[in-house]
């Protein structure tokens, strides 16, 4: 083997070893970062182990709450029957006096 070829091979081997060590360190740091993030994500609020019962589902007509009797001066709005649900009715605005 030529001396020049032997030196070139040694340089190539050293370069491969340096790249391999660098890649191993990089992968190690990525693994540490992943483990750190996985542990901090699990430290959030404690979730109950048993599922909790949700509130009972009410039909759409009673979902708006109790309705007061409409006054005779308030305009009545008919609910839209195209979607199958009723829109909540808003109470009339209080009357303001115009002058003293």
C-alpha atoms as a PDB file:
ATOM      1  CA  UNK A   1       0.000   0.000   0.000  1.00  0.00           C
ATOM      2  CA  UNK A   2       1.267   3.453  -0.830  1.00  0.00           C
ATOM      3  CA  UNK A   3       2.063   5.791   2.102  1.00  0.00           C
ATOM      4  CA  UNK A   4      -0.173   8.481   0.635  1.00  0.00           C
ATOM      5  CA  UNK A   5      -3.076   6.027   0.345  1.00  0.00           C
ATOM      6  CA  UNK A   6      -2.559   4.898   3.979  1.00  0.00           C
ATOM      7  CA  UNK A   7      -2.699   8.511   5.219  1.00  0.00           C
ATOM      8  CA  UNK A   8      -5.858   9.157   3.194  1.00  0.00           C
ATOM      9  CA  UNK A   9      -7.474   6.010   4.622  1.00  0.00           C
ATOM     10  CA  UNK A  10      -6.578   7.072   8.174  1.00  0.00           C
ATOM     11  CA  UNK A  11      -8.118  10.500   7.587  1.00  0.00           C
ATOM     12  CA  UNK A  12     -11.263   8.898   6.185  1.00  0.00           C
ATOM     13  CA  UNK A  13     -11.496   6.551   9.176  1.00  0.00           C
ATOM     14  CA  UNK A  14     -11.027   9.432  11.642  1.00  0.00           C
ATOM     15  CA  UNK A  15     -13.691  11.452   9.831  1.00  0.00           C
ATOM     16  CA  UNK A  16     -16.165   8.548   9.977  1.00  0.00           C
ATOM     17  CA  UNK A  17     -15.447   8.034  13.690  1.00  0.00           C
ATOM     18  CA  UNK A  18     -15.993  11.749  14.430  1.00  0.00           C
ATOM     19  CA  UNK A  19     -19.296  11.772  12.484  1.00  0.00           C
ATOM     20  CA  UNK A  20     -20.406   8.599  14.265  1.00  0.00           C
ATOM     21  CA  UNK A  21     -19.634  10.039  17.705  1.00  0.00           C
ATOM     22  CA  UNK A  22     -21.411  13.283  16.781  1.00  0.00           C
ATOM     23  CA  UNK A  23     -24.488  11.396  15.571  1.00  0.00           C
ATOM     24  CA  UNK A  24     -24.540   9.267  18.749  1.00  0.00           C
ATOM     25  CA  UNK A  25     -24.375  12.393  20.951  1.00  0.00           C
ATOM     26  CA  UNK A  26     -27.132  14.060  18.920  1.00  0.00           C
ATOM     27  CA  UNK A  27     -29.422  11.026  19.239  1.00  0.00           C
ATOM     28  CA  UNK A  28     -28.682  10.848  22.984  1.00  0.00           C
ATOM     29  CA  UNK A  29     -29.653  14.522  23.413  1.00  0.00           C
ATOM     30  CA  UNK A  30     -32.861  13.971  21.426  1.00  0.00           C
ATOM     31  CA  UNK A  31     -33.751  11.019  23.664  1.00  0.00           C
ATOM     32  CA  UNK A  32     -33.149  13.136  26.781  1.00  0.00           C
ATOM     33  CA  UNK A  33     -35.343  15.938  25.421  1.00  0.00           C
ATOM     34  CA  UNK A  34     -38.102  13.458  24.545  1.00  0.00           C
ATOM     35  CA  UNK A  35     -38.040  11.921  28.030  1.00  0.00           C
ATOM     36  CA  UNK A  36     -38.123  15.357  29.666  1.00  0.00           C
ATOM     37  CA  UNK A  37     -41.096  16.466  27.572  1.00  0.00           C
ATOM     38  CA  UNK A  38     -42.944  13.195  28.165  1.00  0.00           C
ATOM     39  CA  UNK A  39     -42.545  13.542  31.943  1.00  0.00           C
ATOM     40  CA  UNK A  40     -43.683  17.173  32.059  1.00  0.00           C
ATOM     41  CA  UNK A  41     -46.728  16.359  29.913  1.00  0.00           C
ATOM     42  CA  UNK A  42     -47.843  13.671  32.392  1.00  0.00           C
ATOM     43  CA  UNK A  43     -47.622  16.073  35.336  1.00  0.00           C
ATOM     44  CA  UNK A  44     -50.728  17.987  34.240  1.00  0.00           C
ATOM     45  CA  UNK A  45     -54.024  17.996  36.120  1.00  0.00           C
ATOM     46  CA  UNK A  46     -55.045  14.654  37.558  1.00  0.00           C
ATOM     47  CA  UNK A  47     -57.754  12.982  35.536  1.00  0.00           C
ATOM     48  CA  UNK A  48     -60.195  10.708  37.355  1.00  0.00           C
ATOM     49  CA  UNK A  49     -59.670   7.011  36.674  1.00  0.00           C
ATOM     50  CA  UNK A  50     -63.412   6.327  36.565  1.00  0.00           C
ATOM     51  CA  UNK A  51     -65.544   8.142  34.024  1.00  0.00           C
ATOM     52  CA  UNK A  52     -67.837  10.731  35.520  1.00  0.00           C
ATOM     53  CA  UNK A  53     -71.510  10.892  34.633  1.00  0.00           C
ATOM     54  CA  UNK A  54     -72.409  13.860  32.490  1.00  0.00           C
ATOM     55  CA  UNK A  55     -75.491  15.980  33.004  1.00  0.00           C
ATOM     56  CA  UNK A  56     -78.681  14.493  31.551  1.00  0.00           C
ATOM     57  CA  UNK A  57     -79.476  15.612  28.043  1.00  0.00           C
ATOM     58  CA  UNK A  58     -82.678  17.648  27.847  1.00  0.00           C
ATOM     59  CA  UNK A  59     -84.832  17.981  24.747  1.00  0.00           C
ATOM     60  CA  UNK A  60     -84.296  21.224  22.818  1.00  0.00           C
ATOM     61  CA  UNK A  61     -87.622  22.730  23.924  1.00  0.00           C
ATOM     62  CA  UNK A  62     -86.674  22.678  27.622  1.00  0.00           C
ATOM     63  CA  UNK A  63     -82.972  23.435  27.072  1.00  0.00           C
ATOM     64  CA  UNK A  64     -83.597  27.199  27.061  1.00  0.00           C
ATOM     65  CA  UNK A  65     -84.706  27.216  30.685  1.00  0.00           C
ATOM     66  CA  UNK A  66     -87.916  28.450  32.249  1.00  0.00           C
ATOM     67  CA  UNK A  67     -89.927  30.849  30.132  1.00  0.00           C
ATOM     68  CA  UNK A  68     -91.789  33.751  31.675  1.00  0.00           C
ATOM     69  CA  UNK A  69     -95.220  34.672  30.441  1.00  0.00           C
ATOM     70  CA  UNK A  70     -94.928  37.125  27.551  1.00  0.00           C
ATOM     71  CA  UNK A  71     -96.335  40.569  28.065  1.00  0.00           C
ATOM     72  CA  UNK A  72     -99.079  41.766  25.758  1.00  0.00           C
ATOM     73  CA  UNK A  73     -96.880  44.546  24.307  1.00  0.00           C
ATOM     74  CA  UNK A  74     -93.880  42.337  23.492  1.00  0.00           C
ATOM     75  CA  UNK A  75     -93.678  41.140  19.892  1.00  0.00           C
ATOM     76  CA  UNK A  76     -93.961  37.371  19.565  1.00  0.00           C
ATOM     77  CA  UNK A  77     -91.475  35.497  17.417  1.00  0.00           C
ATOM     78  CA  UNK A  78     -92.395  32.123  15.995  1.00  0.00           C
ATOM     79  CA  UNK A  79     -89.683  29.486  16.241  1.00  0.00           C
ATOM     80  CA  UNK A  80     -88.197  28.259  12.994  1.00  0.00           C
ATOM     81  CA  UNK A  81     -89.326  24.711  12.237  1.00  0.00           C
ATOM     82  CA  UNK A  82     -86.806  24.115   9.427  1.00  0.00           C
ATOM     83  CA  UNK A  83     -83.911  23.104  11.703  1.00  0.00           C
ATOM     84  CA  UNK A  84     -85.971  21.286  14.320  1.00  0.00           C
ATOM     85  CA  UNK A  85     -84.657  23.397  17.214  1.00  0.00           C
ATOM     86  CA  UNK A  86     -86.082  26.514  18.755  1.00  0.00           C
ATOM     87  CA  UNK A  87     -84.127  29.694  19.208  1.00  0.00           C
ATOM     88  CA  UNK A  88     -84.062  31.165  22.713  1.00  0.00           C
ATOM     89  CA  UNK A  89     -86.493  34.031  23.054  1.00  0.00           C
ATOM     90  CA  UNK A  90     -85.026  37.275  24.323  1.00  0.00           C
ATOM     91  CA  UNK A  91     -86.976  39.387  26.784  1.00  0.00           C
ATOM     92  CA  UNK A  92     -88.153  42.780  25.521  1.00  0.00           C
ATOM     93  CA  UNK A  93     -85.940  45.775  26.224  1.00  0.00           C
ATOM     94  CA  UNK A  94     -87.142  48.097  29.018  1.00  0.00           C
ATOM     95  CA  UNK A  95     -88.979  51.172  27.805  1.00  0.00           C
ATOM     96  CA  UNK A  96     -87.135  54.466  28.202  1.00  0.00           C
ATOM     97  CA  UNK A  97     -88.927  57.766  28.688  1.00  0.00           C
ATOM     98  CA  UNK A  98     -88.329  60.395  26.018  1.00  0.00           C
ATOM     99  CA  UNK A  99     -88.176  63.644  27.989  1.00  0.00           C
ATOM    100  CA  UNK A 100     -89.181  64.955  31.385  1.00  0.00           C
END
